[in-house]
Amino acid sequence: MTYRVIWVAALLDRLAEFYLAADPTNRDRMAVGVERFNERLAADPLAVGESRMGGYRVAFPPMLCVYFRVDPAGRAVWITRVTRYGS
């Protein structure tokens, strides 16, 4: 059984800003990284990234830092923050 991965609109907009600001090679890296990240979250979110205080987790897909919370009872993963790092 898979989890729903939920990106709120404001975070998708932020992700799009990072994508558009990147050069073509990094755009490809970012797109593939986010796709794989979402697939991993849907399959087994508690195995993704590192735990943080307050029930949050953090992961580092290419060029991004993504915070998220896992709701095992609701079978959902909520993306709570996304920032860009590296080049």
Foldseek 3Di string as FASTA:
>chain_A
DWAAEDEDPVQVVVLVVVLVPDDPVLNVQSVVQVVVVRVVNGHPVVVAAAADPPQKGWHCRPQKIWIWHADVVRRYIYTDDMDGDDD
